[in-house]
Amino acid sequence: MTQPQPIIIDCDPGIDDAIALMLAFASPDELEVLAVMTVAGNVGLHHTEPNARRIRDLCGAKSVPVLAGCPRPVLRAPVDAGDIHGESGLENCELPLARGVVDPRHAVDYLRETVRARPREITVVAVGPLTNLATTLIQRPEFAREVRRIVIMGGAAGDGNVTPHAEFNFFADPHAARIVFESGAPISMYGLDITRQVRAEAAWLKRVERLGSPVAHTAVRMLEHYGSVGGALHDVLAIGDLLRQDCFTLEPCRVRIETEDPEMIGKSHVERGVAPDRANARVGFKADAPEFLSFLEERLARYS
């Protein structure tokens, strides 16, 4: 029997982060979630950390530690997406307050030491600004060789979603994204080019609602608020990469993060068709949306 692959999830919940956590916690045969790390992004760290615990508790994964990480970007002034996710980050859901004692460990310390102790074993799934990862790499450059893989939701080869040029996660901390992509770590990038293809249309939301569980109900309520019905699911594709990679087409590319030009800051310059020795990431461009949405629905049905 194949052992589940150990992963650490780095997130900023956030509605689409919550759906990603639901998928991960519904897949214990394939994924061993060692910890959930949080970072400032969609909302401040004072919201993202308890939000992660709220989703963890809802999904019955109470043994998984949740650790707070960096409360602000590496260099730039903080930005957030409260206009999209709501002031709390999980708008339109009725979850109780987070339960349990706050884990006192810092997420960066945990990440650095856990990956060092298990070289080439652990995959990090990063679906928020990359501040925690960049800080880890600054403290321990060897992390780039010790991590098995980093799967990122962020960036875009085409248009952005917070400016004409930049996707939110990379815009929120472009310097962190640059550090990660220049580190030499093995990276898979799920940017807007592929995540915009997978959307929570009304018919799919109705099917999920009929599953009848508190998890399904919460997912639907949040997604109905999130960018209106038909919004892209974004972060869940990074978890999907570990479970149904056959649903996605990725290409080796050279990715450079813009940090100098104020107008373009946070843009991911994606060069396709490069030689293998020049590629620093595999970038997603095509999704089988119907197949993946059917799979996600099946996994959410496990909570019923």
Protein backbone atom coordinates (compact mmCIF):
# COMPACT_ATOMS: atom_id res chain seq x y z
CA MET A 1 0.00 0.00 0.00
CA THR A 2 1.35 3.42 -0.98
CA GLN A 3 2.05 5.71 1.94
CA PRO A 4 0.40 9.16 1.85
CA GLN A 5 2.82 11.89 0.82
CA PRO A 6 3.72 14.33 3.59
CA ILE A 7 2.79 17.93 2.87
CA ILE A 8 2.82 21.29 4.62
CA ILE A 9 0.20 23.82 3.51
CA ASP A 10 1.13 27.53 3.60
CA CYS A 11 -1.98 29.68 3.22
CA ASP A 12 -3.86 32.91 3.98
CA PRO A 13 -7.52 31.85 4.45
CA GLY A 14 -9.36 33.35 2.47
CA ILE A 15 -12.25 31.57 0.84
CA ASP A 16 -10.41 29.69 -1.90
CA ASP A 17 -7.77 28.69 0.69
CA ALA A 18 -10.60 27.18 2.75
CA ILE A 19 -11.72 25.02 -0.19
CA ALA A 20 -8.11 23.89 -0.70
CA LEU A 21 -7.91 22.85 2.97
CA MET A 22 -11.21 20.97 2.67
CA LEU A 23 -9.84 18.97 -0.27
CA ALA A 24 -6.58 18.18 1.53
CA PHE A 25 -8.29 17.04 4.73
CA ALA A 26 -10.71 14.88 2.69
CA SER A 27 -7.77 12.96 1.16
CA PRO A 28 -5.93 11.20 4.01
CA ASP A 29 -5.08 8.13 1.92
CA GLU A 30 -2.99 10.28 -0.42
CA LEU A 31 -1.94 13.26 1.71
CA GLU A 32 -0.47 13.43 5.20
CA VAL A 33 -1.00 17.04 6.23
CA LEU A 34 1.83 17.62 8.70
CA ALA A 35 0.85 21.21 9.45
CA VAL A 36 -0.95 24.26 8.16
CA MET A 37 1.07 27.49 8.19
CA THR A 38 -0.55 30.90 7.86
CA VAL A 39 0.67 34.22 6.51
CA ALA A 40 -0.71 37.72 6.04
CA GLY A 41 -2.34 38.04 2.66
CA ASN A 42 -6.04 37.96 1.83
CA VAL A 43 -6.51 39.38 5.34
CA GLY A 44 -4.14 40.03 8.21
CA LEU A 45 -2.41 37.28 10.18
CA HIS A 46 -4.74 37.92 13.13
CA HIS A 47 -7.51 36.55 10.89
CA THR A 48 -5.71 33.95 8.74
CA GLU A 49 -4.41 31.91 11.70
CA PRO A 50 -7.79 31.48 13.46
CA ASN A 51 -9.50 31.02 10.07
CA ALA A 52 -7.25 28.04 9.35
CA ARG A 53 -8.17 26.54 12.73
CA ARG A 54 -11.88 27.14 12.04
CA ILE A 55 -11.68 25.18 8.77
CA ARG A 56 -9.51 22.48 10.37
CA ASP A 57 -12.08 22.03 13.15
CA LEU A 58 -14.98 21.94 10.66
CA CYS A 59 -13.22 19.19 8.70
CA GLY A 60 -12.48 17.11 11.81
CA ALA A 61 -8.69 17.40 11.44
CA LYS A 62 -8.08 18.70 14.93
CA SER A 63 -4.74 16.91 15.34
CA VAL A 64 -3.13 18.96 12.54
CA PRO A 65 -1.16 21.89 14.00
CA VAL A 66 -1.81 25.40 12.70
CA LEU A 67 1.12 27.80 13.01
CA ALA A 68 1.19 31.55 12.49
CA GLY A 69 3.95 32.87 10.26
CA CYS A 70 4.96 36.28 8.93
CA PRO A 71 2.61 39.18 9.65
CA ARG A 72 3.77 41.41 6.77
CA PRO A 73 5.64 41.26 3.45
CA VAL A 74 9.44 41.20 3.17
CA LEU A 75 9.74 44.82 1.98
CA ARG A 76 6.58 46.42 0.67
CA ALA A 77 3.69 47.85 2.67
CA PRO A 78 0.96 45.28 3.43
CA VAL A 79 -2.02 44.95 1.10
CA ASP A 80 -5.05 42.69 1.49
CA ALA A 81 -8.08 41.40 -0.37
CA GLY A 82 -10.74 42.05 2.25
CA ASP A 83 -12.96 43.51 -0.47
CA ILE A 84 -13.16 40.03 -2.01
CA HIS A 85 -13.02 37.70 1.01
CA GLY A 86 -14.74 39.96 3.52
CA GLU A 87 -13.30 41.68 6.57
CA SER A 88 -12.76 38.37 8.40
CA GLY A 89 -11.53 36.49 5.30
CA LEU A 90 -14.32 33.89 5.48
CA GLU A 91 -17.34 35.99 4.63
CA ASN A 92 -20.85 34.54 4.49
CA CYS A 93 -20.00 31.47 6.58
CA GLU A 94 -21.37 30.81 10.06
CA LEU A 95 -18.49 28.91 11.60
CA PRO A 96 -17.86 29.15 15.34
CA LEU A 97 -14.73 30.80 16.62
CA ALA A 98 -11.53 28.75 16.46
CA ARG A 99 -11.13 26.31 19.31
CA GLY A 100 -8.04 25.03 21.08
CA VAL A 101 -4.80 26.57 22.21
CA VAL A 102 -2.79 28.64 19.72
CA ASP A 103 0.40 26.82 18.72
CA PRO A 104 3.30 28.96 20.02
CA ARG A 105 5.79 27.90 17.33
CA HIS A 106 6.59 30.23 14.46
CA ALA A 107 5.72 28.78 11.06
CA VAL A 108 9.14 29.60 9.58
CA ASP A 109 10.98 27.81 12.40
CA TYR A 110 8.72 24.79 11.98
CA LEU A 111 9.15 24.70 8.19
CA ARG A 112 12.91 25.07 8.30
CA GLU A 113 13.48 22.36 10.91
CA THR A 114 10.85 19.89 9.68
CA VAL A 115 12.12 19.87 6.09
CA ARG A 116 15.75 19.73 7.24
CA ALA A 117 14.93 16.60 9.28
CA ARG A 118 13.27 14.88 6.30
CA PRO A 119 15.20 15.92 3.19
CA ARG A 120 13.50 15.35 -0.20
CA GLU A 121 10.38 13.95 1.48
CA ILE A 122 8.07 16.91 2.12
CA THR A 123 6.10 18.91 -0.45
CA VAL A 124 5.09 22.46 0.46
CA VAL A 125 1.83 23.73 -1.01
CA ALA A 126 1.88 27.53 -0.94
CA VAL A 127 -1.39 29.29 -1.79
CA GLY A 128 -0.78 32.71 -0.24
CA PRO A 129 1.98 35.30 -0.48
CA LEU A 130 5.36 33.54 -0.33
CA THR A 131 6.70 35.43 2.70
CA ASN A 132 7.11 32.35 4.93
CA LEU A 133 8.98 30.44 2.21
CA ALA A 134 11.24 33.36 1.35
CA THR A 135 12.11 33.92 5.01
CA THR A 136 12.95 30.22 5.33
CA LEU A 137 15.23 30.43 2.29
CA ILE A 138 16.95 33.52 3.67
CA GLN A 139 17.63 31.72 6.94
CA ARG A 140 18.56 28.40 5.30
CA PRO A 141 19.37 28.46 1.57
CA GLU A 142 19.82 24.66 1.71
CA PHE A 143 16.03 24.42 2.07
CA ALA A 144 15.82 24.68 -1.74
CA ARG A 145 17.59 21.31 -2.03
CA GLU A 146 15.90 19.71 0.97
CA VAL A 147 12.26 20.31 0.01
CA ARG A 148 10.81 17.69 -2.33
CA ARG A 149 8.77 20.21 -4.30
CA ILE A 150 6.96 23.53 -3.89
CA VAL A 151 3.51 23.79 -5.48
CA ILE A 152 2.43 27.42 -5.75
CA MET A 153 -0.83 29.12 -6.57
CA GLY A 154 0.25 32.51 -7.81
CA GLY A 155 1.29 34.58 -10.77
CA ALA A 156 0.11 34.66 -14.36
CA ALA A 157 1.65 34.49 -17.80
CA GLY A 158 -1.15 36.75 -19.01
CA ASP A 159 -3.23 39.42 -17.28
CA GLY A 160 -3.27 39.88 -13.53
CA ASN A 161 -6.24 40.22 -11.21
CA VAL A 162 -5.16 42.99 -8.83
CA THR A 163 -3.43 45.11 -11.47
CA PRO A 164 -3.37 44.61 -15.25
CA HIS A 165 -0.01 42.91 -14.77
CA ALA A 166 0.03 41.11 -11.40
CA GLU A 167 -1.81 38.33 -9.57
CA PHE A 168 -2.60 39.06 -5.92
CA ASN A 169 -0.23 36.65 -4.13
CA PHE A 170 2.81 37.85 -6.05
CA PHE A 171 1.68 41.48 -5.88
CA ALA A 172 1.27 41.22 -2.10
CA ASP A 173 4.90 40.15 -1.65
CA PRO A 174 6.82 40.34 -4.93
CA HIS A 175 10.22 40.26 -3.26
CA ALA A 176 9.35 37.00 -1.53
CA ALA A 177 8.17 35.50 -4.82
CA ARG A 178 11.43 36.55 -6.47
CA ILE A 179 13.49 34.91 -3.70
CA VAL A 180 11.56 31.64 -4.09
CA PHE A 181 11.80 31.48 -7.89
CA GLU A 182 15.51 32.31 -7.84
CA SER A 183 16.26 29.70 -5.13
CA GLY A 184 16.66 26.66 -7.38
CA ALA A 185 13.91 24.73 -5.59
CA PRO A 186 11.68 22.48 -7.76
CA ILE A 187 8.52 24.53 -8.37
CA SER A 188 5.13 23.90 -9.93
CA MET A 189 3.18 27.11 -10.53
CA TYR A 190 -0.59 27.30 -10.89
CA GLY A 191 -1.25 30.85 -12.05
CA LEU A 192 -4.35 32.64 -13.27
CA ASP A 193 -3.93 31.20 -16.77
CA ILE A 194 -5.03 27.81 -15.47
CA THR A 195 -6.98 28.63 -12.30
CA ARG A 196 -9.44 30.86 -14.16
CA GLN A 197 -10.51 27.76 -16.12
CA VAL A 198 -11.98 26.05 -13.00
CA ARG A 199 -15.05 27.92 -11.77
CA ALA A 200 -17.78 27.36 -9.18
CA GLU A 201 -20.73 27.73 -11.52
CA ALA A 202 -24.27 27.74 -10.14
CA ALA A 203 -25.10 24.17 -11.23
CA TRP A 204 -21.99 22.80 -9.51
CA LEU A 205 -22.75 24.74 -6.33
CA LYS A 206 -26.25 23.24 -6.28
CA ARG A 207 -24.81 19.73 -6.50
CA VAL A 208 -22.40 20.46 -3.65
CA GLU A 209 -25.23 21.93 -1.55
CA ARG A 210 -27.20 18.69 -1.99
CA LEU A 211 -24.37 16.76 -0.34
CA GLY A 212 -25.93 17.97 2.88
CA SER A 213 -22.91 18.14 5.20
CA PRO A 214 -21.81 21.16 7.26
CA VAL A 215 -18.62 21.25 5.18
CA ALA A 216 -20.56 21.37 1.90
CA HIS A 217 -22.94 23.99 3.28
CA THR A 218 -20.04 26.17 4.42
CA ALA A 219 -18.23 25.81 1.09
CA VAL A 220 -21.32 26.89 -0.86
CA ARG A 221 -22.11 29.84 1.40
CA MET A 222 -18.56 31.16 1.10
CA LEU A 223 -18.33 30.61 -2.65
CA GLU A 224 -21.64 32.37 -3.21
CA HIS A 225 -20.03 35.45 -1.69
CA TYR A 226 -16.64 35.01 -3.34
CA GLY A 227 -16.46 37.02 -6.53
CA SER A 228 -20.10 36.15 -7.28
CA VAL A 229 -21.28 32.75 -8.54
CA GLY A 230 -18.94 31.46 -11.22
CA GLY A 231 -15.78 32.65 -9.51
CA ALA A 232 -12.51 30.82 -10.10
CA LEU A 233 -11.47 28.34 -7.40
CA HIS A 234 -7.75 29.24 -7.66
CA ASP A 235 -6.02 27.73 -4.60
CA VAL A 236 -7.65 24.31 -4.71
CA LEU A 237 -5.77 23.51 -7.92
CA ALA A 238 -2.48 23.44 -6.00
CA ILE A 239 -3.85 20.65 -3.81
CA GLY A 240 -5.35 19.06 -6.91
CA ASP A 241 -1.85 18.84 -8.38
CA LEU A 242 -0.98 16.25 -5.72
CA LEU A 243 -4.16 14.22 -6.25
CA ARG A 244 -5.19 14.47 -9.92
CA GLN A 245 -2.24 15.79 -11.87
CA ASP A 246 -3.79 14.16 -14.93
CA CYS A 247 -6.34 17.00 -14.92
CA PHE A 248 -3.65 19.62 -15.58
CA THR A 249 -1.12 20.39 -18.30
CA LEU A 250 2.11 22.09 -17.19
CA GLU A 251 5.14 23.21 -19.20
CA PRO A 252 8.76 23.92 -18.19
CA CYS A 253 9.22 27.69 -18.18
CA ARG A 254 11.55 30.43 -17.01
CA VAL A 255 9.74 32.66 -14.50
CA ARG A 256 11.05 36.04 -13.39
CA ILE A 257 9.24 38.19 -10.82
CA GLU A 258 9.16 41.95 -11.35
CA THR A 259 10.32 43.93 -8.32
CA GLU A 260 11.83 47.07 -9.89
CA ASP A 261 9.19 48.69 -12.12
CA PRO A 262 6.50 50.25 -9.85
CA GLU A 263 3.82 49.91 -12.51
CA MET A 264 4.58 46.25 -13.18
CA ILE A 265 5.51 45.16 -9.65
CA GLY A 266 4.51 41.58 -8.87
CA LYS A 267 4.24 40.57 -12.53
CA SER A 268 5.49 37.09 -13.32
CA HIS A 269 7.36 37.21 -16.63
CA VAL A 270 6.86 33.69 -17.97
CA GLU A 271 9.08 32.51 -20.81
CA ARG A 272 7.76 29.38 -22.51
CA GLY A 273 9.61 26.89 -24.70
CA VAL A 274 12.90 27.17 -22.84
CA ALA A 275 15.64 24.55 -22.67
CA PRO A 276 15.38 22.30 -19.60
CA ASP A 277 18.50 23.81 -18.04
CA ARG A 278 16.94 27.30 -18.19
CA ALA A 279 13.56 26.37 -16.73
CA ASN A 280 13.01 27.19 -13.06
CA ALA A 281 9.38 26.07 -12.81
CA ARG A 282 6.69 23.97 -14.38
CA VAL A 283 3.76 26.28 -15.15
CA GLY A 284 0.14 25.28 -15.61
CA PHE A 285 -1.72 26.34 -18.75
CA LYS A 286 -4.63 23.93 -19.30
CA ALA A 287 -7.14 22.28 -16.95
CA ASP A 288 -9.76 19.60 -17.52
CA ALA A 289 -12.27 21.61 -15.50
CA PRO A 290 -15.27 19.21 -15.70
CA GLU A 291 -13.17 16.25 -14.57
CA PHE A 292 -11.52 18.13 -11.73
CA LEU A 293 -14.80 19.64 -10.50
CA SER A 294 -16.35 16.17 -10.49
CA PHE A 295 -13.40 14.92 -8.46
CA LEU A 296 -13.65 17.83 -6.00
CA GLU A 297 -17.38 17.18 -5.58
CA GLU A 298 -16.65 13.52 -4.84
CA ARG A 299 -14.09 14.45 -2.20
CA LEU A 300 -16.43 16.96 -0.56
CA ALA A 301 -19.06 14.21 -0.46
CA ARG A 302 -16.80 12.30 1.93
CA TYR A 303 -17.80 14.75 4.66
CA SER A 304 -21.38 13.57 4.32
